[in-house]
Amino acid sequence: MSDVKVRCALKWNSQTKPGLDLTAIGPAPLIDAHIHVDSYPPEQQELLLASLANSSVQAVIAVSMHLGSSRANLQLAKRYPGLVRPAFGFHPEQALPPQAELELLFNWMDEHVQQMVAVGEVGLPYYNRLEASQSGSPFDLAPYIVLLERFIQFASKHNKPIVLHAVYEDADIACDLLERHGITQAHFHWFKGSTATIERMARNGYYVSFTPDLLYEEEIRSLARQYPSDQIMAETDGPWPFEGPFTGQETHPRMTADVIRAYSKLTHQDESAVRQLFYENTRRFYSLSD
């Protein structure tokens, strides 16, 4: 589908006026707060993005894995303006590149800071470190902490939100760094952690987002019951696949509607009101405008 057709398909969204009560004219649009669009096969990326309007998806926060991924997401954002909102960074669950490559990434981010909605996805390698521990292999966490602090400093310097991959005890390290640099605009995606950490994050004003596993994972459902409702969003982390009722399905941003429905049932709230809540939370956190 051409850019023109996509923009026409999104006409309803682009004409929505700030402050308008969307519940009066139908359900609020959806926003996928965390997805790896560039990680889908190339032939699927355009099909997925072109289908969003028919699924009431107004925007996706396209997080990046590394410099090449950041460049790819920037190109997608140029092709689908307003629909793809890119975040640039380096995903922690991979080997660190040479320092020269990291310098290229930070220099590139400096050059394109006006095109990014956030720094991300960045964080700490909990799962790779766990795998190394289970196999008896050494793992040096220190350079990952140094890199995360540099991303946090970048976010602080440019007044950008930061999207974090930091679960369990790693979240406490991330919180230490965020507090050190006075960062409050932090989004812990697909978060899992202790009650004490959850309370700390909520107190600091950090946001979390729920994936479709809210429908079947008690750990995530417990988090949803505890976390302040004005600090939550919905995500898919696509193309990551899900289980339960989503087994065998390609992960799609429209699944955020299932997340919202599950949250409304879990918290005994009206689904339309919850959908509006998630929409407003995500637009506020990422400073999205039409």
C-alpha atoms as a PDB file:
ATOM      1  CA  MET A   1       0.000   0.000   0.000  1.00  0.00           C
ATOM      2  CA  SER A   2       1.326   3.447  -0.864  1.00  0.00           C
ATOM      3  CA  ASP A   3       2.087   6.127   1.718  1.00  0.00           C
ATOM      4  CA  VAL A   4      -0.809   8.163   0.314  1.00  0.00           C
ATOM      5  CA  LYS A   5      -3.266   5.317   0.817  1.00  0.00           C
ATOM      6  CA  VAL A   6      -2.010   4.747   4.338  1.00  0.00           C
ATOM      7  CA  ARG A   7      -2.435   8.433   5.166  1.00  0.00           C
ATOM      8  CA  CYS A   8      -5.959   8.339   3.772  1.00  0.00           C
ATOM      9  CA  ALA A   9      -6.724   5.251   5.821  1.00  0.00           C
ATOM     10  CA  LEU A  10      -5.563   7.149   8.894  1.00  0.00           C
ATOM     11  CA  LYS A  11      -7.622  10.249   8.087  1.00  0.00           C
ATOM     12  CA  TRP A  12      -9.962   9.731  11.036  1.00  0.00           C
ATOM     13  CA  ASN A  13      -7.016   9.630  13.425  1.00  0.00           C
ATOM     14  CA  SER A  14      -5.253  12.653  11.946  1.00  0.00           C
ATOM     15  CA  GLN A  15      -8.397  14.771  12.231  1.00  0.00           C
ATOM     16  CA  THR A  16      -8.990  13.922  15.874  1.00  0.00           C
ATOM     17  CA  LYS A  17      -8.813  17.139  17.857  1.00  0.00           C
ATOM     18  CA  PRO A  18      -6.854  17.379  21.111  1.00  0.00           C
ATOM     19  CA  GLY A  19      -9.092  17.065  24.132  1.00  0.00           C
ATOM     20  CA  LEU A  20     -11.927  15.440  22.181  1.00  0.00           C
ATOM     21  CA  ASP A  21     -13.734  12.707  24.110  1.00  0.00           C
ATOM     22  CA  LEU A  22     -13.114   9.772  21.794  1.00  0.00           C
ATOM     23  CA  THR A  23     -15.513   7.535  23.706  1.00  0.00           C
ATOM     24  CA  ALA A  24     -18.333   9.733  22.410  1.00  0.00           C
ATOM     25  CA  ILE A  25     -17.609   8.699  18.814  1.00  0.00           C
ATOM     26  CA  GLY A  26     -16.402   5.160  19.396  1.00  0.00           C
ATOM     27  CA  PRO A  27     -13.611   3.267  21.137  1.00  0.00           C
ATOM     28  CA  ALA A  28     -10.296   5.053  21.550  1.00  0.00           C
ATOM     29  CA  PRO A  29      -7.596   4.067  19.053  1.00  0.00           C
ATOM     30  CA  LEU A  30      -4.930   1.556  19.970  1.00  0.00           C
ATOM     31  CA  ILE A  31      -1.214   2.236  20.362  1.00  0.00           C
ATOM     32  CA  ASP A  32       1.309  -0.590  20.552  1.00  0.00           C
ATOM     33  CA  ALA A  33       3.802   0.781  23.078  1.00  0.00           C
ATOM     34  CA  HIS A  34       6.606  -1.639  22.176  1.00  0.00           C
ATOM     35  CA  ILE A  35       7.171  -3.572  18.964  1.00  0.00           C
ATOM     36  CA  HIS A  36      10.169  -4.581  16.825  1.00  0.00           C
ATOM     37  CA  VAL A  37       8.681  -3.770  13.424  1.00  0.00           C
ATOM     38  CA  ASP A  38      12.006  -4.137  11.631  1.00  0.00           C
ATOM     39  CA  SER A  39      12.404  -7.676  13.020  1.00  0.00           C
ATOM     40  CA  TYR A  40       9.455  -8.951  10.987  1.00  0.00           C
ATOM     41  CA  PRO A  41      10.390 -10.425   7.585  1.00  0.00           C
ATOM     42  CA  PRO A  42      10.633  -7.572   5.048  1.00  0.00           C
ATOM     43  CA  GLU A  43       7.652  -8.814   3.055  1.00  0.00           C
ATOM     44  CA  GLN A  44       5.500  -8.797   6.211  1.00  0.00           C
ATOM     45  CA  GLN A  45       6.446  -5.332   7.446  1.00  0.00           C
ATOM     46  CA  GLU A  46       4.464  -3.413   4.824  1.00  0.00           C
ATOM     47  CA  LEU A  47       1.483  -5.757   5.120  1.00  0.00           C
ATOM     48  CA  LEU A  48       1.462  -5.320   8.893  1.00  0.00           C
ATOM     49  CA  LEU A  49       1.743  -1.538   8.786  1.00  0.00           C
ATOM     50  CA  ALA A  50      -0.822  -1.178   6.014  1.00  0.00           C
ATOM     51  CA  SER A  51      -3.303  -3.243   8.057  1.00  0.00           C
ATOM     52  CA  LEU A  52      -3.144  -1.105  11.183  1.00  0.00           C
ATOM     53  CA  ALA A  53      -5.827   1.405  10.238  1.00  0.00           C
ATOM     54  CA  ASN A  54      -8.375  -1.385   9.784  1.00  0.00           C
ATOM     55  CA  SER A  55      -7.433  -2.622  13.258  1.00  0.00           C
ATOM     56  CA  SER A  56      -7.919   0.822  14.878  1.00  0.00           C
ATOM     57  CA  VAL A  57      -4.192   1.057  15.599  1.00  0.00           C
ATOM     58  CA  GLN A  58      -3.126   4.696  15.502  1.00  0.00           C
ATOM     59  CA  ALA A  59       0.593   4.264  16.134  1.00  0.00           C
ATOM     60  CA  VAL A  60       3.337   1.841  17.117  1.00  0.00           C
ATOM     61  CA  ILE A  61       6.462   2.575  19.149  1.00  0.00           C
ATOM     62  CA  ALA A  62       9.125   0.881  17.010  1.00  0.00           C
ATOM     63  CA  VAL A  63      12.069   0.031  19.255  1.00  0.00           C
ATOM     64  CA  SER A  64      15.498  -0.822  17.878  1.00  0.00           C
ATOM     65  CA  MET A  65      18.074  -3.566  18.450  1.00  0.00           C
ATOM     66  CA  HIS A  66      21.274  -1.811  17.286  1.00  0.00           C
ATOM     67  CA  LEU A  67      22.495   0.769  14.757  1.00  0.00           C
ATOM     68  CA  GLY A  68      21.268  -1.121  11.694  1.00  0.00           C
ATOM     69  CA  SER A  69      17.897  -1.646  13.342  1.00  0.00           C
ATOM     70  CA  SER A  70      17.704   2.043  14.281  1.00  0.00           C
ATOM     71  CA  ARG A  71      18.364   3.021  10.683  1.00  0.00           C
ATOM     72  CA  ALA A  72      15.703   0.603   9.463  1.00  0.00           C
ATOM     73  CA  ASN A  73      13.116   1.975  11.888  1.00  0.00           C
ATOM     74  CA  LEU A  74      13.913   5.531  10.840  1.00  0.00           C
ATOM     75  CA  GLN A  75      13.224   4.592   7.220  1.00  0.00           C
ATOM     76  CA  LEU A  76       9.929   2.964   8.226  1.00  0.00           C
ATOM     77  CA  ALA A  77       8.998   6.126  10.120  1.00  0.00           C
ATOM     78  CA  LYS A  78       9.671   8.193   7.013  1.00  0.00           C
ATOM     79  CA  ARG A  79       7.511   5.890   4.899  1.00  0.00           C
ATOM     80  CA  TYR A  80       4.709   5.782   7.468  1.00  0.00           C
ATOM     81  CA  PRO A  81       4.795   9.187   9.181  1.00  0.00           C
ATOM     82  CA  GLY A  82       2.777   9.378  12.379  1.00  0.00           C
ATOM     83  CA  LEU A  83       2.171   5.646  12.325  1.00  0.00           C
ATOM     84  CA  VAL A  84       5.687   4.381  13.067  1.00  0.00           C
ATOM     85  CA  ARG A  85       7.234   6.261  15.999  1.00  0.00           C
ATOM     86  CA  PRO A  86      10.878   5.129  16.247  1.00  0.00           C
ATOM     87  CA  ALA A  87      13.054   4.650  19.311  1.00  0.00           C
ATOM     88  CA  PHE A  88      16.793   4.135  18.884  1.00  0.00           C
ATOM     89  CA  GLY A  89      19.146   2.093  21.042  1.00  0.00           C
ATOM     90  CA  PHE A  90      20.897  -1.242  21.620  1.00  0.00           C
ATOM     91  CA  HIS A  91      19.096  -4.304  22.976  1.00  0.00           C
ATOM     92  CA  PRO A  92      21.050  -5.782  25.894  1.00  0.00           C
ATOM     93  CA  GLU A  93      20.382  -9.476  25.232  1.00  0.00           C
ATOM     94  CA  GLN A  94      23.277  -9.748  22.761  1.00  0.00           C
ATOM     95  CA  ALA A  95      27.047  -9.499  22.769  1.00  0.00           C
ATOM     96  CA  LEU A  96      28.368  -5.973  23.052  1.00  0.00           C
ATOM     97  CA  PRO A  97      29.859  -4.605  19.829  1.00  0.00           C
ATOM     98  CA  PRO A  98      33.303  -3.000  19.579  1.00  0.00           C
ATOM     99  CA  GLN A  99      33.540   0.437  21.162  1.00  0.00           C
ATOM    100  CA  ALA A 100      33.926   2.054  17.746  1.00  0.00           C
ATOM    101  CA  GLU A 101      30.541   0.670  16.704  1.00  0.00           C
ATOM    102  CA  LEU A 102      28.915   2.032  19.854  1.00  0.00           C
ATOM    103  CA  GLU A 103      30.401   5.442  19.099  1.00  0.00           C
ATOM    104  CA  LEU A 104      28.838   5.277  15.640  1.00  0.00           C
ATOM    105  CA  LEU A 105      25.468   4.513  17.234  1.00  0.00           C
ATOM    106  CA  PHE A 106      25.620   7.416  19.680  1.00  0.00           C
ATOM    107  CA  ASN A 107      26.839   9.813  16.994  1.00  0.00           C
ATOM    108  CA  TRP A 108      24.017   8.684  14.707  1.00  0.00           C
ATOM    109  CA  MET A 109      21.468   9.115  17.515  1.00  0.00           C
ATOM    110  CA  ASP A 110      22.783  12.631  18.111  1.00  0.00           C
ATOM    111  CA  GLU A 111      22.249  13.415  14.433  1.00  0.00           C
ATOM    112  CA  HIS A 112      18.702  12.023  14.439  1.00  0.00           C
ATOM    113  CA  VAL A 113      17.523  13.013  17.901  1.00  0.00           C
ATOM    114  CA  GLN A 114      14.631  15.038  16.461  1.00  0.00           C
ATOM    115  CA  GLN A 115      13.257  11.958  14.679  1.00  0.00           C
ATOM    116  CA  MET A 116      13.180   9.682  17.739  1.00  0.00           C
ATOM    117  CA  VAL A 117      10.380   9.498  20.289  1.00  0.00           C
ATOM    118  CA  ALA A 118      12.552   7.685  22.826  1.00  0.00           C
ATOM    119  CA  VAL A 119      15.811   5.928  23.609  1.00  0.00           C
ATOM    120  CA  GLY A 120      15.264   2.193  23.336  1.00  0.00           C
ATOM    121  CA  GLU A 121      15.338  -0.625  23.620  1.00  0.00           C
ATOM    122  CA  VAL A 122      18.136  -0.565  26.169  1.00  0.00           C
ATOM    123  CA  GLY A 123      18.760  -2.246  29.499  1.00  0.00           C
ATOM    124  CA  LEU A 124      20.504  -5.228  31.075  1.00  0.00           C
ATOM    125  CA  PRO A 125      20.970  -8.846  29.863  1.00  0.00           C
ATOM    126  CA  TYR A 126      19.100 -10.833  32.520  1.00  0.00           C
ATOM    127  CA  TYR A 127      18.284 -13.839  30.316  1.00  0.00           C
ATOM    128  CA  ASN A 128      21.721 -14.148  28.681  1.00  0.00           C
ATOM    129  CA  ARG A 129      23.340 -13.870  32.099  1.00  0.00           C
ATOM    130  CA  LEU A 130      20.980 -16.510  33.508  1.00  0.00           C
ATOM    131  CA  GLU A 131      21.800 -18.849  30.629  1.00  0.00           C
ATOM    132  CA  ALA A 132      25.529 -18.327  31.193  1.00  0.00           C
ATOM    133  CA  SER A 133      25.123 -19.048  34.901  1.00  0.00           C
ATOM    134  CA  GLN A 134      23.201 -22.247  34.231  1.00  0.00           C
ATOM    135  CA  SER A 135      25.904 -23.470  31.851  1.00  0.00           C
ATOM    136  CA  GLY A 136      28.734 -22.479  34.172  1.00  0.00           C
ATOM    137  CA  SER A 137      30.067 -19.844  31.772  1.00  0.00           C
ATOM    138  CA  PRO A 138      31.495 -16.514  32.967  1.00  0.00           C
ATOM    139  CA  PHE A 139      29.522 -13.354  32.261  1.00  0.00           C
ATOM    140  CA  ASP A 140      30.696  -9.800  32.842  1.00  0.00           C
ATOM    141  CA  LEU A 141      27.739  -7.538  33.593  1.00  0.00           C
ATOM    142  CA  ALA A 142      29.815  -4.421  34.276  1.00  0.00           C
ATOM    143  CA  PRO A 143      30.162  -3.169  30.668  1.00  0.00           C
ATOM    144  CA  TYR A 144      26.404  -3.511  30.162  1.00  0.00           C
ATOM    145  CA  ILE A 145      25.801  -1.323  33.203  1.00  0.00           C
ATOM    146  CA  VAL A 146      28.240   1.255  31.845  1.00  0.00           C
ATOM    147  CA  LEU A 147      26.440   1.250  28.492  1.00  0.00           C
ATOM    148  CA  LEU A 148      23.010   1.554  30.112  1.00  0.00           C
ATOM    149  CA  GLU A 149      24.173   4.542  32.130  1.00  0.00           C
ATOM    150  CA  ARG A 150      25.404   6.174  28.933  1.00  0.00           C
ATOM    151  CA  PHE A 151      21.988   5.696  27.315  1.00  0.00           C
ATOM    152  CA  ILE A 152      20.349   7.160  30.417  1.00  0.00           C
ATOM    153  CA  GLN A 153      22.661  10.167  30.227  1.00  0.00           C
ATOM    154  CA  PHE A 154      21.737  10.584  26.553  1.00  0.00           C
ATOM    155  CA  ALA A 155      18.034  10.484  27.422  1.00  0.00           C
ATOM    156  CA  SER A 156      18.570  13.050  30.163  1.00  0.00           C
ATOM    157  CA  LYS A 157      20.580  15.368  27.918  1.00  0.00           C
ATOM    158  CA  HIS A 158      17.968  15.314  25.158  1.00  0.00           C
ATOM    159  CA  ASN A 159      14.889  15.105  27.412  1.00  0.00           C
ATOM    160  CA  LYS A 160      13.730  11.833  25.848  1.00  0.00           C
ATOM    161  CA  PRO A 161      11.815   8.954  27.453  1.00  0.00           C
ATOM    162  CA  ILE A 162      13.769   5.724  27.807  1.00  0.00           C
ATOM    163  CA  VAL A 163      12.482   2.209  27.041  1.00  0.00           C
ATOM    164  CA  LEU A 164      13.980  -0.426  29.312  1.00  0.00           C
ATOM    165  CA  HIS A 165      14.567  -4.161  29.194  1.00  0.00           C
ATOM    166  CA  ALA A 166      15.273  -4.708  32.895  1.00  0.00           C
ATOM    167  CA  VAL A 167      13.591  -7.476  34.883  1.00  0.00           C
ATOM    168  CA  TYR A 168      13.877  -8.958  38.366  1.00  0.00           C
ATOM    169  CA  GLU A 169      17.072  -7.820  40.155  1.00  0.00           C
ATOM    170  CA  ASP A 170      18.289  -5.985  37.047  1.00  0.00           C
ATOM    171  CA  ALA A 171      15.426  -3.539  37.497  1.00  0.00           C
ATOM    172  CA  ASP A 172      16.934  -2.390  40.783  1.00  0.00           C
ATOM    173  CA  ILE A 173      20.213  -1.574  39.035  1.00  0.00           C
ATOM    174  CA  ALA A 174      18.272   0.334  36.384  1.00  0.00           C
ATOM    175  CA  CYS A 175      16.353   2.229  39.068  1.00  0.00           C
ATOM    176  CA  ASP A 176      19.620   3.168  40.783  1.00  0.00           C
ATOM    177  CA  LEU A 177      20.918   4.656  37.527  1.00  0.00           C
ATOM    178  CA  LEU A 178      17.661   6.424  36.705  1.00  0.00           C
ATOM    179  CA  GLU A 179      17.522   7.974  40.163  1.00  0.00           C
ATOM    180  CA  ARG A 180      21.174   9.007  39.951  1.00  0.00           C
ATOM    181  CA  HIS A 181      20.450  11.007  36.808  1.00  0.00           C
ATOM    182  CA  GLY A 182      17.013  12.284  37.799  1.00  0.00           C
ATOM    183  CA  ILE A 183      15.148  10.401  35.066  1.00  0.00           C
ATOM    184  CA  THR A 184      11.397   9.985  35.573  1.00  0.00           C
ATOM    185  CA  GLN A 185      10.304   9.222  31.990  1.00  0.00           C
ATOM    186  CA  ALA A 186      11.142   5.506  32.065  1.00  0.00           C
ATOM    187  CA  HIS A 187       9.144   2.694  30.477  1.00  0.00           C
ATOM    188  CA  PHE A 188       9.877  -0.811  31.784  1.00  0.00           C
ATOM    189  CA  HIS A 189       8.462  -3.024  29.057  1.00  0.00           C
ATOM    190  CA  TRP A 190       7.176  -6.556  29.851  1.00  0.00           C
ATOM    191  CA  PHE A 191       8.309  -6.043  33.430  1.00  0.00           C
ATOM    192  CA  LYS A 192       8.690  -8.772  36.043  1.00  0.00           C
ATOM    193  CA  GLY A 193      10.057  -8.196  39.527  1.00  0.00           C
ATOM    194  CA  SER A 194       9.619  -8.126  43.282  1.00  0.00           C
ATOM    195  CA  THR A 195       6.929  -6.257  45.170  1.00  0.00           C
ATOM    196  CA  ALA A 196       9.551  -3.901  46.600  1.00  0.00           C
ATOM    197  CA  THR A 197      10.822  -3.049  43.117  1.00  0.00           C
ATOM    198  CA  ILE A 198       7.294  -2.598  41.804  1.00  0.00           C
ATOM    199  CA  GLU A 199       6.550  -0.149  44.617  1.00  0.00           C
ATOM    200  CA  ARG A 200       9.795   1.720  43.958  1.00  0.00           C
ATOM    201  CA  MET A 201       9.070   2.038  40.247  1.00  0.00           C
ATOM    202  CA  ALA A 202       5.507   3.173  40.838  1.00  0.00           C
ATOM    203  CA  ARG A 203       6.643   5.724  43.399  1.00  0.00           C
ATOM    204  CA  ASN A 204       9.181   7.126  40.919  1.00  0.00           C
ATOM    205  CA  GLY A 205       6.513   7.560  38.255  1.00  0.00           C
ATOM    206  CA  TYR A 206       7.895   4.922  35.896  1.00  0.00           C
ATOM    207  CA  TYR A 207       5.548   3.226  33.440  1.00  0.00           C
ATOM    208  CA  VAL A 208       5.111  -0.470  32.660  1.00  0.00           C
ATOM    209  CA  SER A 209       3.413  -2.177  29.742  1.00  0.00           C
ATOM    210  CA  PHE A 210       1.541  -5.457  29.509  1.00  0.00           C
ATOM    211  CA  THR A 211       1.795  -7.942  26.646  1.00  0.00           C
ATOM    212  CA  PRO A 212      -0.852 -10.474  25.561  1.00  0.00           C
ATOM    213  CA  ASP A 213       0.436 -12.844  28.242  1.00  0.00           C
ATOM    214  CA  LEU A 214      -1.710 -10.796  30.625  1.00  0.00           C
ATOM    215  CA  LEU A 215      -4.427 -13.237  29.582  1.00  0.00           C
ATOM    216  CA  TYR A 216      -2.664 -16.292  30.999  1.00  0.00           C
ATOM    217  CA  GLU A 217       0.414 -15.448  33.137  1.00  0.00           C
ATOM    218  CA  GLU A 218      -0.420 -14.967  36.818  1.00  0.00           C
ATOM    219  CA  GLU A 219       2.827 -13.084  37.466  1.00  0.00           C
ATOM    220  CA  ILE A 220       1.786 -10.425  34.953  1.00  0.00           C
ATOM    221  CA  ARG A 221      -1.805 -10.397  36.185  1.00  0.00           C
ATOM    222  CA  SER A 222      -0.557  -9.772  39.719  1.00  0.00           C
ATOM    223  CA  LEU A 223       1.531  -6.836  38.477  1.00  0.00           C
ATOM    224  CA  ALA A 224      -1.518  -5.421  36.690  1.00  0.00           C
ATOM    225  CA  ARG A 225      -3.533  -5.531  39.911  1.00  0.00           C
ATOM    226  CA  GLN A 226      -0.833  -3.616  41.795  1.00  0.00           C
ATOM    227  CA  TYR A 227       0.435  -0.963  39.412  1.00  0.00           C
ATOM    228  CA  PRO A 228      -1.057   2.557  39.273  1.00  0.00           C
ATOM    229  CA  SER A 229      -3.534   2.738  36.404  1.00  0.00           C
ATOM    230  CA  ASP A 230      -2.184   6.061  35.138  1.00  0.00           C
ATOM    231  CA  GLN A 231       1.265   4.482  34.554  1.00  0.00           C
ATOM    232  CA  ILE A 232       0.362   1.520  32.324  1.00  0.00           C
ATOM    233  CA  MET A 233       0.383   0.813  28.589  1.00  0.00           C
ATOM    234  CA  ALA A 234      -0.212  -2.115  26.218  1.00  0.00           C
ATOM    235  CA  GLU A 235       2.416  -3.691  23.985  1.00  0.00           C
ATOM    236  CA  THR A 236       3.048  -6.776  21.868  1.00  0.00           C
ATOM    237  CA  ASP A 237       6.869  -6.966  21.704  1.00  0.00           C
ATOM    238  CA  GLY A 238       6.196  -8.369  18.231  1.00  0.00           C
ATOM    239  CA  PRO A 239       7.228 -10.474  16.472  1.00  0.00           C
ATOM    240  CA  TRP A 240       7.635 -12.415  19.733  1.00  0.00           C
ATOM    241  CA  PRO A 241       4.955 -15.166  19.705  1.00  0.00           C
ATOM    242  CA  PHE A 242       2.486 -15.791  22.517  1.00  0.00           C
ATOM    243  CA  GLU A 243       0.789 -18.822  24.002  1.00  0.00           C
ATOM    244  CA  GLY A 244      -2.699 -19.454  25.368  1.00  0.00           C
ATOM    245  CA  PRO A 245      -5.385 -18.150  22.998  1.00  0.00           C
ATOM    246  CA  PHE A 246      -2.656 -16.707  20.730  1.00  0.00           C
ATOM    247  CA  THR A 247      -0.833 -19.967  20.067  1.00  0.00           C
ATOM    248  CA  GLY A 248       0.109 -20.220  16.401  1.00  0.00           C
ATOM    249  CA  GLN A 249      -0.848 -16.614  15.616  1.00  0.00           C
ATOM    250  CA  GLU A 250       1.460 -13.992  14.163  1.00  0.00           C
ATOM    251  CA  THR A 251       1.869 -11.243  16.725  1.00  0.00           C
ATOM    252  CA  HIS A 252       0.043  -8.106  15.572  1.00  0.00           C
ATOM    253  CA  PRO A 253      -0.508  -4.693  17.238  1.00  0.00           C
ATOM    254  CA  ARG A 254      -4.271  -5.309  17.254  1.00  0.00           C
ATOM    255  CA  MET A 255      -3.578  -7.759  20.096  1.00  0.00           C
ATOM    256  CA  THR A 256      -3.258  -4.709  22.345  1.00  0.00           C
ATOM    257  CA  ALA A 257      -7.070  -4.693  22.270  1.00  0.00           C
ATOM    258  CA  ASP A 258      -6.991  -8.143  23.888  1.00  0.00           C
ATOM    259  CA  VAL A 259      -4.587  -6.823  26.517  1.00  0.00           C
ATOM    260  CA  ILE A 260      -6.922  -3.940  27.308  1.00  0.00           C
ATOM    261  CA  ARG A 261      -9.951  -6.232  27.450  1.00  0.00           C
ATOM    262  CA  ALA A 262      -8.131  -8.580  29.823  1.00  0.00           C
ATOM    263  CA  TYR A 263      -7.114  -5.672  32.052  1.00  0.00           C
ATOM    264  CA  SER A 264     -10.682  -4.356  32.176  1.00  0.00           C
ATOM    265  CA  LYS A 265     -11.966  -7.777  33.254  1.00  0.00           C
ATOM    266  CA  LEU A 266      -9.164  -8.242  35.761  1.00  0.00           C
ATOM    267  CA  THR A 267      -9.833  -4.874  37.396  1.00  0.00           C
ATOM    268  CA  HIS A 268     -13.629  -4.915  36.927  1.00  0.00           C
ATOM    269  CA  GLN A 269     -13.705  -1.715  34.879  1.00  0.00           C
ATOM    270  CA  ASP A 270     -15.582  -0.662  31.767  1.00  0.00           C
ATOM    271  CA  GLU A 271     -13.623  -1.720  28.688  1.00  0.00           C
ATOM    272  CA  SER A 272     -14.212   1.513  26.760  1.00  0.00           C
ATOM    273  CA  ALA A 273     -12.979   3.569  29.698  1.00  0.00           C
ATOM    274  CA  VAL A 274      -9.902   1.369  30.060  1.00  0.00           C
ATOM    275  CA  ARG A 275      -9.165   1.647  26.354  1.00  0.00           C
ATOM    276  CA  GLN A 276      -9.327   5.430  26.645  1.00  0.00           C
ATOM    277  CA  LEU A 277      -7.047   5.248  29.696  1.00  0.00           C
ATOM    278  CA  PHE A 278      -4.376   3.228  27.882  1.00  0.00           C
ATOM    279  CA  TYR A 279      -4.588   5.546  24.875  1.00  0.00           C
ATOM    280  CA  GLU A 280      -4.142   8.683  26.963  1.00  0.00           C
ATOM    281  CA  ASN A 281      -1.349   7.134  29.055  1.00  0.00           C
ATOM    282  CA  THR A 282       0.663   6.169  25.981  1.00  0.00           C
ATOM    283  CA  ARG A 283       0.202   9.484  24.205  1.00  0.00           C
ATOM    284  CA  ARG A 284       1.197  11.332  27.355  1.00  0.00           C
ATOM    285  CA  PHE A 285       4.288   9.250  28.063  1.00  0.00           C
ATOM    286  CA  TYR A 286       5.623   9.437  24.505  1.00  0.00           C
ATOM    287  CA  SER A 287       4.410  13.008  23.872  1.00  0.00           C
ATOM    288  CA  LEU A 288       2.581  11.839  20.755  1.00  0.00           C
ATOM    289  CA  SER A 289       0.682  14.290  18.604  1.00  0.00           C
ATOM    290  CA  ASP A 290      -1.217  13.797  15.356  1.00  0.00           C
END
